[in-house]
C-alpha atoms as a PDB file:
ATOM      1  CA  MET A   1     -14.735  20.424   9.474  1.00  0.00           C
ATOM      2  CA  ARG A   2     -16.413  18.703  12.425  1.00  0.00           C
ATOM      3  CA  PRO A   3     -19.649  16.813  11.511  1.00  0.00           C
ATOM      4  CA  ALA A   4     -22.883  18.478  12.615  1.00  0.00           C
ATOM      5  CA  ALA A   5     -23.987  17.606  16.125  1.00  0.00           C
ATOM      6  CA  ARG A   6     -25.992  14.388  16.291  1.00  0.00           C
ATOM      7  CA  PRO A   7     -27.827  13.013  19.340  1.00  0.00           C
ATOM      8  CA  GLY A   8     -25.931  10.158  20.924  1.00  0.00           C
ATOM      9  CA  GLN A   9     -22.666  11.036  19.141  1.00  0.00           C
ATOM     10  CA  ALA A  10     -21.058  13.139  21.833  1.00  0.00           C
ATOM     11  CA  SER A  11     -18.544  10.796  23.502  1.00  0.00           C
ATOM     12  CA  LEU A  12     -14.854  10.365  22.640  1.00  0.00           C
ATOM     13  CA  ALA A  13     -15.597   6.767  21.648  1.00  0.00           C
ATOM     14  CA  ASP A  14     -18.073   8.136  19.110  1.00  0.00           C
ATOM     15  CA  SER A  15     -15.473  10.510  17.743  1.00  0.00           C
ATOM     16  CA  LEU A  16     -12.930   7.735  17.330  1.00  0.00           C
ATOM     17  CA  SER A  17     -15.458   5.507  15.548  1.00  0.00           C
ATOM     18  CA  ARG A  18     -15.885   8.241  13.035  1.00  0.00           C
ATOM     19  CA  VAL A  19     -12.238   9.078  12.687  1.00  0.00           C
ATOM     20  CA  ASN A  20     -10.841   5.514  12.461  1.00  0.00           C
ATOM     21  CA  PRO A  21     -12.284   4.593   9.016  1.00  0.00           C
ATOM     22  CA  VAL A  22     -10.415   7.397   7.160  1.00  0.00           C
ATOM     23  CA  GLN A  23      -6.970   6.523   8.655  1.00  0.00           C
ATOM     24  CA  GLN A  24      -4.475   4.534   6.630  1.00  0.00           C
ATOM     25  CA  GLY A  25      -2.579   1.772   8.368  1.00  0.00           C
ATOM     26  CA  THR A  26      -3.077   2.963  11.989  1.00  0.00           C
ATOM     27  CA  GLU A  27      -6.144   1.833  13.952  1.00  0.00           C
ATOM     28  CA  LEU A  28      -7.566   4.488  16.288  1.00  0.00           C
ATOM     29  CA  ARG A  29      -9.955   3.270  18.978  1.00  0.00           C
ATOM     30  CA  PHE A  30     -11.355   4.014  22.455  1.00  0.00           C
ATOM     31  CA  GLY A  31     -10.262   1.607  25.149  1.00  0.00           C
ATOM     32  CA  MET A  32      -8.245  -1.609  25.063  1.00  0.00           C
ATOM     33  CA  PRO A  33      -9.658  -4.412  22.860  1.00  0.00           C
ATOM     34  CA  ALA A  34     -11.077  -7.516  24.523  1.00  0.00           C
ATOM     35  CA  GLU A  35      -7.912  -9.399  23.482  1.00  0.00           C
ATOM     36  CA  PRO A  36      -5.144  -6.926  24.227  1.00  0.00           C
ATOM     37  CA  THR A  37      -2.236  -9.038  22.802  1.00  0.00           C
ATOM     38  CA  GLY A  38       0.475  -6.721  21.582  1.00  0.00           C
ATOM     39  CA  TRP A  39      -0.993  -3.661  23.330  1.00  0.00           C
ATOM     40  CA  VAL A  40       0.852  -1.725  25.915  1.00  0.00           C
ATOM     41  CA  THR A  41       0.114   1.586  27.738  1.00  0.00           C
ATOM     42  CA  CYS A  42       2.518   4.477  27.487  1.00  0.00           C
ATOM     43  CA  GLY A  43       2.445   4.635  31.256  1.00  0.00           C
ATOM     44  CA  GLU A  44       3.682   1.062  31.505  1.00  0.00           C
ATOM     45  CA  LEU A  45       6.549   1.743  29.148  1.00  0.00           C
ATOM     46  CA  LEU A  46       7.632   4.905  30.875  1.00  0.00           C
ATOM     47  CA  ALA A  47       7.644   2.993  34.226  1.00  0.00           C
ATOM     48  CA  ASP A  48      10.254   0.640  32.867  1.00  0.00           C
ATOM     49  CA  ALA A  49      13.255   2.320  31.227  1.00  0.00           C
ATOM     50  CA  GLU A  50      14.570  -1.056  30.028  1.00  0.00           C
ATOM     51  CA  SER A  51      11.453  -1.463  27.826  1.00  0.00           C
ATOM     52  CA  PHE A  52      12.949   0.901  25.280  1.00  0.00           C
ATOM     53  CA  ASP A  53      16.155  -1.127  25.184  1.00  0.00           C
ATOM     54  CA  ARG A  54      14.058  -4.235  24.520  1.00  0.00           C
ATOM     55  CA  TRP A  55      12.147  -2.434  21.829  1.00  0.00           C
ATOM     56  CA  ARG A  56      15.406  -1.365  20.152  1.00  0.00           C
ATOM     57  CA  LYS A  57      16.706  -4.974  20.220  1.00  0.00           C
ATOM     58  CA  VAL A  58      13.554  -6.232  18.475  1.00  0.00           C
ATOM     59  CA  LEU A  59      13.953  -3.401  15.932  1.00  0.00           C
ATOM     60  CA  ALA A  60      17.648  -4.324  15.484  1.00  0.00           C
ATOM     61  CA  GLY A  61      16.617  -7.860  14.492  1.00  0.00           C
ATOM     62  CA  TRP A  62      14.270  -6.565  11.907  1.00  0.00           C
ATOM     63  CA  LEU A  63      16.826  -4.105  10.485  1.00  0.00           C
ATOM     64  CA  LEU A  64      19.399  -6.948  10.278  1.00  0.00           C
ATOM     65  CA  ASP A  65      16.939  -9.131   8.353  1.00  0.00           C
ATOM     66  CA  THR A  66      15.970  -6.274   6.099  1.00  0.00           C
ATOM     67  CA  TYR A  67      19.198  -4.305   5.590  1.00  0.00           C
ATOM     68  CA  GLY A  68      21.970  -6.499   7.043  1.00  0.00           C
ATOM     69  CA  GLU A  69      22.873  -4.086   9.699  1.00  0.00           C
ATOM     70  CA  ALA A  70      21.409  -2.195  12.686  1.00  0.00           C
ATOM     71  CA  PRO A  71      23.422   0.826  13.842  1.00  0.00           C
ATOM     72  CA  ASP A  72      22.656   2.059  17.373  1.00  0.00           C
ATOM     73  CA  GLN A  73      21.808   5.585  16.159  1.00  0.00           C
ATOM     74  CA  THR A  74      19.297   4.182  13.688  1.00  0.00           C
ATOM     75  CA  THR A  75      17.478   1.989  16.260  1.00  0.00           C
ATOM     76  CA  ALA A  76      17.415   4.951  18.672  1.00  0.00           C
ATOM     77  CA  GLY A  77      16.112   7.327  15.982  1.00  0.00           C
ATOM     78  CA  TYR A  78      13.305   5.006  14.884  1.00  0.00           C
ATOM     79  CA  VAL A  79      12.096   4.292  18.414  1.00  0.00           C
ATOM     80  CA  LEU A  80      12.272   7.967  19.277  1.00  0.00           C
ATOM     81  CA  TYR A  81      10.040   8.980  16.385  1.00  0.00           C
ATOM     82  CA  TRP A  82       7.694   6.012  16.636  1.00  0.00           C
ATOM     83  CA  TYR A  83       6.981   6.563  20.220  1.00  0.00           C
ATOM     84  CA  LEU A  84       6.323  10.292  19.721  1.00  0.00           C
ATOM     85  CA  PHE A  85       3.985   9.390  16.878  1.00  0.00           C
ATOM     86  CA  VAL A  86       1.534   7.847  19.398  1.00  0.00           C
ATOM     87  CA  PRO A  87       0.441  11.060  21.298  1.00  0.00           C
ATOM     88  CA  ALA A  88       1.062  13.227  18.147  1.00  0.00           C
ATOM     89  CA  TYR A  89      -1.120  11.238  15.790  1.00  0.00           C
ATOM     90  CA  LEU A  90      -4.021  10.604  18.131  1.00  0.00           C
ATOM     91  CA  GLY A  91      -4.083  14.279  19.128  1.00  0.00           C
ATOM     92  CA  ALA A  92      -3.803  15.424  15.525  1.00  0.00           C
ATOM     93  CA  ALA A  93      -6.557  13.081  14.247  1.00  0.00           C
ATOM     94  CA  LEU A  94      -9.078  14.170  16.848  1.00  0.00           C
ATOM     95  CA  PHE A  95      -8.192  17.803  16.455  1.00  0.00           C
ATOM     96  CA  HIS A  96      -8.487  17.708  12.644  1.00  0.00           C
ATOM     97  CA  HIS A  97     -11.683  15.703  12.406  1.00  0.00           C
ATOM     98  CA  GLU A  98     -13.630  16.602  15.571  1.00  0.00           C
ATOM     99  CA  ARG A  99     -11.986  19.725  16.995  1.00  0.00           C
ATOM    100  CA  ARG A 100     -11.412  17.761  20.192  1.00  0.00           C
ATOM    101  CA  VAL A 101      -8.204  17.300  22.225  1.00  0.00           C
ATOM    102  CA  PRO A 102      -8.080  14.089  24.308  1.00  0.00           C
ATOM    103  CA  SER A 103      -5.983  13.495  27.406  1.00  0.00           C
ATOM    104  CA  LEU A 104      -2.463  12.703  26.248  1.00  0.00           C
ATOM    105  CA  ARG A 105      -1.119  11.592  29.675  1.00  0.00           C
ATOM    106  CA  PRO A 106       0.944   8.429  29.433  1.00  0.00           C
ATOM    107  CA  ARG A 107      -1.608   6.418  31.515  1.00  0.00           C
ATOM    108  CA  HIS A 108      -4.292   7.500  29.171  1.00  0.00           C
ATOM    109  CA  LEU A 109      -2.737   6.182  25.968  1.00  0.00           C
ATOM    110  CA  ALA A 110      -1.915   2.735  24.665  1.00  0.00           C
ATOM    111  CA  PHE A 111      -0.624   1.336  21.439  1.00  0.00           C
ATOM    112  CA  ARG A 112      -0.260  -1.904  19.573  1.00  0.00           C
ATOM    113  CA  MET A 113       3.095  -3.054  18.345  1.00  0.00           C
ATOM    114  CA  ALA A 114       3.134  -4.383  14.763  1.00  0.00           C
ATOM    115  CA  TRP A 115       5.160  -7.437  13.722  1.00  0.00           C
ATOM    116  CA  PRO A 116       7.740  -8.018  12.288  1.00  0.00           C
ATOM    117  CA  ARG A 117       8.466  -4.345  11.821  1.00  0.00           C
ATOM    118  CA  PRO A 118       7.964  -3.245  15.414  1.00  0.00           C
ATOM    119  CA  HIS A 119       6.128   0.109  14.931  1.00  0.00           C
ATOM    120  CA  PRO A 120       2.848   1.315  16.477  1.00  0.00           C
ATOM    121  CA  ASP A 121      -0.003   0.363  14.152  1.00  0.00           C
ATOM    122  CA  GLY A 122      -2.854   0.914  16.591  1.00  0.00           C
ATOM    123  CA  ILE A 123      -3.469   3.673  19.157  1.00  0.00           C
ATOM    124  CA  ALA A 124      -6.062   3.740  21.941  1.00  0.00           C
ATOM    125  CA  ALA A 125      -7.429   6.625  24.031  1.00  0.00           C
ATOM    126  CA  LEU A 126      -8.139   5.321  27.534  1.00  0.00           C
ATOM    127  CA  SER A 127      -9.693   8.379  29.162  1.00  0.00           C
ATOM    128  CA  PRO A 128     -13.242   9.633  28.206  1.00  0.00           C
ATOM    129  CA  THR A 129     -12.308  13.283  28.941  1.00  0.00           C
ATOM    130  CA  PHE A 130     -11.447  15.826  26.271  1.00  0.00           C
ATOM    131  CA  ALA A 131     -11.420  19.494  25.521  1.00  0.00           C
ATOM    132  CA  CYS A 132     -13.587  21.011  22.765  1.00  0.00           C
ATOM    133  CA  LEU A 133     -15.118  24.172  21.399  1.00  0.00           C
ATOM    134  CA  PRO A 134     -18.277  25.876  22.679  1.00  0.00           C
ATOM    135  CA  ASP A 135     -20.438  24.488  19.815  1.00  0.00           C
ATOM    136  CA  ASP A 136     -19.343  20.893  20.434  1.00  0.00           C
ATOM    137  CA  PRO A 137     -22.376  18.552  21.163  1.00  0.00           C
ATOM    138  CA  ALA A 138     -20.686  17.518  24.405  1.00  0.00           C
ATOM    139  CA  ALA A 139     -20.004  21.011  25.635  1.00  0.00           C
ATOM    140  CA  GLY A 140     -21.313  21.303  29.196  1.00  0.00           C
ATOM    141  CA  SER A 141     -20.960  17.577  29.933  1.00  0.00           C
ATOM    142  CA  ARG A 142     -18.813  16.265  32.725  1.00  0.00           C
ATOM    143  CA  VAL A 143     -16.263  14.811  30.318  1.00  0.00           C
ATOM    144  CA  ALA A 144     -15.675  17.951  28.360  1.00  0.00           C
ATOM    145  CA  THR A 145     -13.632  21.033  29.030  1.00  0.00           C
ATOM    146  CA  VAL A 146     -14.687  23.978  26.785  1.00  0.00           C
ATOM    147  CA  MET A 147     -12.051  26.152  25.229  1.00  0.00           C
ATOM    148  CA  PRO A 148     -13.008  29.570  23.909  1.00  0.00           C
ATOM    149  CA  ASP A 149     -11.794  29.278  20.347  1.00  0.00           C
ATOM    150  CA  GLU A 150      -9.620  27.257  17.916  1.00  0.00           C
ATOM    151  CA  GLN A 151      -6.411  29.079  18.898  1.00  0.00           C
ATOM    152  CA  ALA A 152      -6.879  28.117  22.540  1.00  0.00           C
ATOM    153  CA  LEU A 153      -7.743  24.501  21.618  1.00  0.00           C
ATOM    154  CA  ALA A 154      -4.602  24.304  19.374  1.00  0.00           C
ATOM    155  CA  GLY A 155      -2.554  25.645  22.249  1.00  0.00           C
ATOM    156  CA  LEU A 156      -3.918  22.993  24.560  1.00  0.00           C
ATOM    157  CA  LEU A 157      -3.074  20.236  22.091  1.00  0.00           C
ATOM    158  CA  ARG A 158       0.477  21.573  21.877  1.00  0.00           C
ATOM    159  CA  ALA A 159       0.805  21.825  25.646  1.00  0.00           C
ATOM    160  CA  ARG A 160      -0.457  18.339  26.308  1.00  0.00           C
ATOM    161  CA  TYR A 161       1.767  16.843  23.640  1.00  0.00           C
ATOM    162  CA  VAL A 162       4.843  18.702  24.901  1.00  0.00           C
ATOM    163  CA  ALA A 163       4.100  17.490  28.463  1.00  0.00           C
ATOM    164  CA  HIS A 164       3.988  13.881  27.302  1.00  0.00           C
ATOM    165  CA  ALA A 165       7.143  14.257  25.209  1.00  0.00           C
ATOM    166  CA  ALA A 166       9.008  15.762  28.199  1.00  0.00           C
ATOM    167  CA  ARG A 167       8.008  12.829  30.365  1.00  0.00           C
ATOM    168  CA  PHE A 168       9.188  10.427  27.685  1.00  0.00           C
ATOM    169  CA  PHE A 169      12.626  12.166  27.323  1.00  0.00           C
ATOM    170  CA  THR A 170      13.347  11.768  31.003  1.00  0.00           C
ATOM    171  CA  VAL A 171      13.195   8.003  30.570  1.00  0.00           C
ATOM    172  CA  PHE A 172      14.509   7.566  27.011  1.00  0.00           C
ATOM    173  CA  ALA A 173      17.292  10.222  26.854  1.00  0.00           C
ATOM    174  CA  PRO A 174      19.757   8.575  29.382  1.00  0.00           C
ATOM    175  CA  GLY A 175      20.023   5.474  27.147  1.00  0.00           C
ATOM    176  CA  VAL A 176      20.838   7.194  23.852  1.00  0.00           C
ATOM    177  CA  ARG A 177      23.433   9.619  22.497  1.00  0.00           C
ATOM    178  CA  PHE A 178      21.046  12.383  21.551  1.00  0.00           C
ATOM    179  CA  GLY A 179      21.164  15.961  22.743  1.00  0.00           C
ATOM    180  CA  ARG A 180      18.210  18.159  23.799  1.00  0.00           C
ATOM    181  CA  HIS A 181      17.881  19.692  20.359  1.00  0.00           C
ATOM    182  CA  THR A 182      17.718  16.286  18.593  1.00  0.00           C
ATOM    183  CA  LEU A 183      14.957  15.104  21.028  1.00  0.00           C
ATOM    184  CA  TRP A 184      12.787  18.181  20.666  1.00  0.00           C
ATOM    185  CA  ALA A 185      13.364  18.349  16.888  1.00  0.00           C
ATOM    186  CA  ASN A 186      11.903  14.881  16.647  1.00  0.00           C
ATOM    187  CA  ALA A 187       8.999  15.955  18.793  1.00  0.00           C
ATOM    188  CA  THR A 188       8.366  18.892  16.398  1.00  0.00           C
ATOM    189  CA  ASP A 189       8.554  16.651  13.369  1.00  0.00           C
ATOM    190  CA  ALA A 190       6.127  14.092  14.818  1.00  0.00           C
ATOM    191  CA  LEU A 191       3.446  16.723  15.596  1.00  0.00           C
ATOM    192  CA  ASP A 192       3.833  18.664  12.319  1.00  0.00           C
ATOM    193  CA  SER A 193       3.832  15.534  10.229  1.00  0.00           C
ATOM    194  CA  SER A 194       0.857  13.987  12.046  1.00  0.00           C
ATOM    195  CA  LEU A 195      -1.308  17.072  11.440  1.00  0.00           C
ATOM    196  CA  TRP A 196      -0.317  16.942   7.786  1.00  0.00           C
ATOM    197  CA  TYR A 197      -0.955  13.253   7.303  1.00  0.00           C
ATOM    198  CA  VAL A 198      -4.413  13.194   8.896  1.00  0.00           C
ATOM    199  CA  GLY A 199      -5.566  15.817   6.443  1.00  0.00           C
ATOM    200  CA  ARG A 200      -3.978  13.989   3.494  1.00  0.00           C
ATOM    201  CA  TYR A 201      -5.530  10.661   4.530  1.00  0.00           C
ATOM    202  CA  ALA A 202      -8.948  12.229   4.801  1.00  0.00           C
ATOM    203  CA  GLY A 203      -8.663  13.636   1.285  1.00  0.00           C
ATOM    204  CA  ASN A 204      -8.033  17.228   2.230  1.00  0.00           C
ATOM    205  CA  GLU A 205      -4.269  17.734   2.496  1.00  0.00           C
ATOM    206  CA  ALA A 206      -4.604  21.519   2.489  1.00  0.00           C
ATOM    207  CA  ALA A 207      -6.830  21.367   5.615  1.00  0.00           C
ATOM    208  CA  GLY A 208      -4.158  19.335   7.382  1.00  0.00           C
ATOM    209  CA  VAL A 209      -1.547  21.949   6.375  1.00  0.00           C
ATOM    210  CA  LEU A 210      -3.729  24.670   7.802  1.00  0.00           C
ATOM    211  CA  ASP A 211      -4.119  22.744  11.089  1.00  0.00           C
ATOM    212  CA  ALA A 212      -0.313  22.390  11.285  1.00  0.00           C
ATOM    213  CA  ARG A 213       0.047  26.092  10.801  1.00  0.00           C
ATOM    214  CA  LEU A 214      -2.510  26.761  13.523  1.00  0.00           C
ATOM    215  CA  VAL A 215      -0.935  24.450  16.119  1.00  0.00           C
ATOM    216  CA  LEU A 216       2.617  25.367  15.131  1.00  0.00           C
ATOM    217  CA  ALA A 217       2.129  28.954  14.062  1.00  0.00           C
ATOM    218  CA  ASP A 218       5.416  29.947  15.604  1.00  0.00           C
ATOM    219  CA  ARG A 219       8.312  28.364  17.380  1.00  0.00           C
ATOM    220  CA  PHE A 220       6.954  27.407  20.807  1.00  0.00           C
ATOM    221  CA  ALA A 221       9.879  26.327  22.919  1.00  0.00           C
ATOM    222  CA  PRO A 222      11.003  23.644  23.679  1.00  0.00           C
ATOM    223  CA  LEU A 223       9.705  22.689  20.165  1.00  0.00           C
ATOM    224  CA  THR A 224      12.339  23.736  17.622  1.00  0.00           C
ATOM    225  CA  SER A 225      10.383  25.449  14.830  1.00  0.00           C
ATOM    226  CA  PRO A 226       6.980  26.462  13.506  1.00  0.00           C
ATOM    227  CA  SER A 227       5.416  24.191  10.888  1.00  0.00           C
ATOM    228  CA  THR A 228       7.827  23.642   7.996  1.00  0.00           C
ATOM    229  CA  LEU A 229       5.163  22.585   5.549  1.00  0.00           C
ATOM    230  CA  ARG A 230       5.453  24.382   2.166  1.00  0.00           C
ATOM    231  CA  PRO A 231       4.164  23.965  -1.390  1.00  0.00           C
ATOM    232  CA  SER A 232       6.519  22.354  -3.823  1.00  0.00           C
ATOM    233  CA  THR A 233       6.172  22.260  -7.636  1.00  0.00           C
ATOM    234  CA  GLY A 234       8.364  19.989  -9.757  1.00  0.00           C
ATOM    235  CA  ALA A 235       9.007  20.425 -13.477  1.00  0.00           C
ATOM    236  CA  GLY A 236       5.723  19.666 -15.251  1.00  0.00           C
ATOM    237  CA  GLU A 237       4.138  18.476 -12.018  1.00  0.00           C
ATOM    238  CA  ALA A 238       1.139  19.720  -9.987  1.00  0.00           C
ATOM    239  CA  THR A 239       1.749  21.623  -6.837  1.00  0.00           C
ATOM    240  CA  CYS A 240       2.148  19.346  -3.825  1.00  0.00           C
ATOM    241  CA  TRP A 241       3.090  19.788  -0.199  1.00  0.00           C
ATOM    242  CA  THR A 242       6.338  18.901   1.450  1.00  0.00           C
ATOM    243  CA  ARG A 243       8.293  19.803   4.631  1.00  0.00           C
ATOM    244  CA  ARG A 244      11.763  20.016   5.821  1.00  0.00           C
ATOM    245  CA  ARG A 245      12.395  17.774   8.818  1.00  0.00           C
ATOM    246  CA  GLU A 246      13.984  19.248  11.930  1.00  0.00           C
ATOM    247  CA  SER A 247      15.588  15.979  12.844  1.00  0.00           C
ATOM    248  CA  CYS A 248      17.351  13.035  11.205  1.00  0.00           C
ATOM    249  CA  CYS A 249      16.022   9.477  11.444  1.00  0.00           C
ATOM    250  CA  PHE A 250      19.517   8.031  10.770  1.00  0.00           C
ATOM    251  CA  HIS A 251      18.131   5.758   8.091  1.00  0.00           C
ATOM    252  CA  TYR A 252      21.097   6.924   5.904  1.00  0.00           C
ATOM    253  CA  LEU A 253      23.463   4.962   8.113  1.00  0.00           C
ATOM    254  CA  LEU A 254      22.038   1.705   6.641  1.00  0.00           C
ATOM    255  CA  ALA A 255      24.263   0.736   3.646  1.00  0.00           C
ATOM    256  CA  GLU A 256      21.192  -0.362   1.659  1.00  0.00           C
ATOM    257  CA  GLY A 257      18.959   2.389   3.007  1.00  0.00           C
ATOM    258  CA  GLY A 258      19.164   4.541  -0.086  1.00  0.00           C
ATOM    259  CA  GLY A 259      20.975   7.490   1.419  1.00  0.00           C
ATOM    260  CA  ALA A 260      19.458  10.622   3.047  1.00  0.00           C
ATOM    261  CA  CYS A 261      15.720  11.174   2.840  1.00  0.00           C
ATOM    262  CA  GLU A 262      14.484  14.088   0.576  1.00  0.00           C
ATOM    263  CA  THR A 263      13.388  16.134   3.644  1.00  0.00           C
ATOM    264  CA  CYS A 264      16.535  15.416   5.754  1.00  0.00           C
ATOM    265  CA  PRO A 265      18.024  18.381   7.518  1.00  0.00           C
ATOM    266  CA  ARG A 266      21.443  17.112   6.515  1.00  0.00           C
ATOM    267  CA  LEU A 267      20.751  18.078   2.894  1.00  0.00           C
ATOM    268  CA  SER A 268      21.328  21.605   1.714  1.00  0.00           C
ATOM    269  CA  PRO A 269      18.523  23.500  -0.101  1.00  0.00           C
ATOM    270  CA  ARG A 270      20.341  22.830  -3.388  1.00  0.00           C
ATOM    271  CA  ASP A 271      20.394  19.073  -2.667  1.00  0.00           C
END
């Protein structure tokens, strides 16, 4: 899956320059741009608990313009998932394409807020260090930590992501009416979905599914389930992939939101 080793292509910046062109709608880069307008580090956000209240207020304005209402549960659910998407998606993209796991510490990640829909549409890795496999072209360099095999690398991705999510929850949870299960169910969804999406966007959805099953082969607490990706075949349709969410985004609370999503855990299997 990872491209063959090429001289001068061993840094994390090189990895991201290869990965970014195959993403859809989310820029992936190394380092802050020269004009960092709209960019913020995760560390800065987590140092200011009120930043999430401000984010929700901006989101509420967009929801009011779009749907005519902005329930508190919906703004909280959107921001919860959108923030978790940042470490989940960057980690998933580098794992899928390069078999590398970057640092996911809050101070080592930044993202750009889109407008007017205030969601992350760009993610930056800020640390040059990463973990990789023994055959990686950077193995043995000072920026690389070598893991013995794919299972170990997948476990490290999961652990680094969980550590970031736990730090986020200590800041975010006191301001919302979500219990522990809802928080970690969202964390599970963000990681499972991100591994799936990066494979799909690169034109190999099945490979993304395999990565999700490698990283989430079982229920690793505090995550709430293994990967829930499964094949689905409709009447007269080709087989495709779908998943059952562990958490609800609360989009259904919007009168014009169209009801529950197809993968919502509120729906029964018959629904």
